[in-house]
Amino acid sequence: MAEQQLINAAHKIRTEIKKKLIEKDMSQNDLAGYIGTSKNYVSRAINGDVSPRSIEIRKQIYQILGME
């Protein structure tokens, strides 16, 4: 049950980030450039990776996309 909740939460976050990217006509490459990291790290963060680096990248993504 807990595992399914994590999966659902990750899916919701991924969906919301992708919607905002479309609204702002941005790509993951654009985000990576703003953050100063690689597209691979941005992709991991968007897809729910729970490493400290991904959490920090997600926080930056939320700021850039106005999701706070």
C-alpha atoms as a PDB file:
ATOM      1  CA  MET A   1       0.000   0.000   0.000  1.00  0.00           C
ATOM      2  CA  ALA A   2       2.746   2.491   0.907  1.00  0.00           C
ATOM      3  CA  GLU A   3       4.613   1.621  -2.276  1.00  0.00           C
ATOM      4  CA  GLN A   4       1.524   2.350  -4.369  1.00  0.00           C
ATOM      5  CA  GLN A   5       1.119   5.714  -2.636  1.00  0.00           C
ATOM      6  CA  LEU A   6       4.693   6.616  -3.564  1.00  0.00           C
ATOM      7  CA  ILE A   7       4.074   5.594  -7.161  1.00  0.00           C
ATOM      8  CA  ASN A   8       0.868   7.654  -7.289  1.00  0.00           C
ATOM      9  CA  ALA A   9       2.562  10.713  -5.774  1.00  0.00           C
ATOM     10  CA  ALA A  10       5.462  10.486  -8.243  1.00  0.00           C
ATOM     11  CA  HIS A  11       3.003  10.219 -11.135  1.00  0.00           C
ATOM     12  CA  LYS A  12       1.067  13.271  -9.941  1.00  0.00           C
ATOM     13  CA  ILE A  13       4.233  15.367  -9.609  1.00  0.00           C
ATOM     14  CA  ARG A  14       5.504  14.259 -13.020  1.00  0.00           C
ATOM     15  CA  THR A  15       2.152  15.121 -14.618  1.00  0.00           C
ATOM     16  CA  GLU A  16       2.002  18.575 -13.004  1.00  0.00           C
ATOM     17  CA  ILE A  17       5.581  19.428 -14.026  1.00  0.00           C
ATOM     18  CA  LYS A  18       4.931  18.323 -17.600  1.00  0.00           C
ATOM     19  CA  LYS A  19       1.741  20.431 -17.760  1.00  0.00           C
ATOM     20  CA  LYS A  20       3.659  23.493 -16.563  1.00  0.00           C
ATOM     21  CA  LEU A  21       6.428  22.860 -19.095  1.00  0.00           C
ATOM     22  CA  ILE A  22       3.842  22.816 -21.876  1.00  0.00           C
ATOM     23  CA  GLU A  23       2.134  25.968 -20.541  1.00  0.00           C
ATOM     24  CA  LYS A  24       5.459  27.804 -20.474  1.00  0.00           C
ATOM     25  CA  ASP A  25       6.656  26.309 -23.782  1.00  0.00           C
ATOM     26  CA  MET A  26       9.760  24.902 -22.083  1.00  0.00           C
ATOM     27  CA  SER A  27      11.663  21.641 -22.356  1.00  0.00           C
ATOM     28  CA  GLN A  28      13.611  19.588 -19.864  1.00  0.00           C
ATOM     29  CA  ASN A  29      16.720  20.914 -21.601  1.00  0.00           C
ATOM     30  CA  ASP A  30      15.573  24.457 -20.825  1.00  0.00           C
ATOM     31  CA  LEU A  31      15.098  23.530 -17.165  1.00  0.00           C
ATOM     32  CA  ALA A  32      18.526  21.934 -17.032  1.00  0.00           C
ATOM     33  CA  GLY A  33      20.039  25.134 -18.397  1.00  0.00           C
ATOM     34  CA  TYR A  34      18.279  27.324 -15.835  1.00  0.00           C
ATOM     35  CA  ILE A  35      19.310  25.032 -12.995  1.00  0.00           C
ATOM     36  CA  GLY A  36      22.836  24.456 -14.261  1.00  0.00           C
ATOM     37  CA  THR A  37      22.667  20.679 -14.386  1.00  0.00           C
ATOM     38  CA  SER A  38      22.241  17.952 -16.987  1.00  0.00           C
ATOM     39  CA  LYS A  39      18.997  16.894 -18.632  1.00  0.00           C
ATOM     40  CA  ASN A  40      19.528  13.440 -17.114  1.00  0.00           C
ATOM     41  CA  TYR A  41      19.404  14.838 -13.576  1.00  0.00           C
ATOM     42  CA  VAL A  42      16.300  16.878 -14.425  1.00  0.00           C
ATOM     43  CA  SER A  43      14.640  13.788 -15.873  1.00  0.00           C
ATOM     44  CA  ARG A  44      15.430  11.737 -12.763  1.00  0.00           C
ATOM     45  CA  ALA A  45      14.018  14.461 -10.535  1.00  0.00           C
ATOM     46  CA  ILE A  46      10.836  14.777 -12.609  1.00  0.00           C
ATOM     47  CA  ASN A  47      10.346  11.021 -12.605  1.00  0.00           C
ATOM     48  CA  GLY A  48      10.371  10.749  -8.811  1.00  0.00           C
ATOM     49  CA  ASP A  49      13.941   9.911  -7.832  1.00  0.00           C
ATOM     50  CA  VAL A  50      14.292  10.465  -4.066  1.00  0.00           C
ATOM     51  CA  SER A  51      18.001  11.200  -3.848  1.00  0.00           C
ATOM     52  CA  PRO A  52      18.907  14.474  -2.093  1.00  0.00           C
ATOM     53  CA  ARG A  53      20.102  15.932  -5.398  1.00  0.00           C
ATOM     54  CA  SER A  54      16.800  15.137  -7.138  1.00  0.00           C
ATOM     55  CA  ILE A  55      14.817  16.637  -4.271  1.00  0.00           C
ATOM     56  CA  GLU A  56      16.850  19.847  -4.556  1.00  0.00           C
ATOM     57  CA  ILE A  57      16.398  19.917  -8.336  1.00  0.00           C
ATOM     58  CA  ARG A  58      12.628  19.460  -7.923  1.00  0.00           C
ATOM     59  CA  LYS A  59      12.545  22.441  -5.545  1.00  0.00           C
ATOM     60  CA  GLN A  60      14.295  24.522  -8.191  1.00  0.00           C
ATOM     61  CA  ILE A  61      11.906  23.250 -10.864  1.00  0.00           C
ATOM     62  CA  TYR A  62       8.924  24.253  -8.714  1.00  0.00           C
ATOM     63  CA  GLN A  63      10.360  27.773  -8.381  1.00  0.00           C
ATOM     64  CA  ILE A  64      11.123  28.148 -12.074  1.00  0.00           C
ATOM     65  CA  LEU A  65       7.678  26.896 -13.079  1.00  0.00           C
ATOM     66  CA  GLY A  66       5.826  28.831 -10.378  1.00  0.00           C
ATOM     67  CA  MET A  67       4.520  25.723  -8.652  1.00  0.00           C
ATOM     68  CA  GLU A  68       5.102  26.810  -5.046  1.00  0.00           C
END
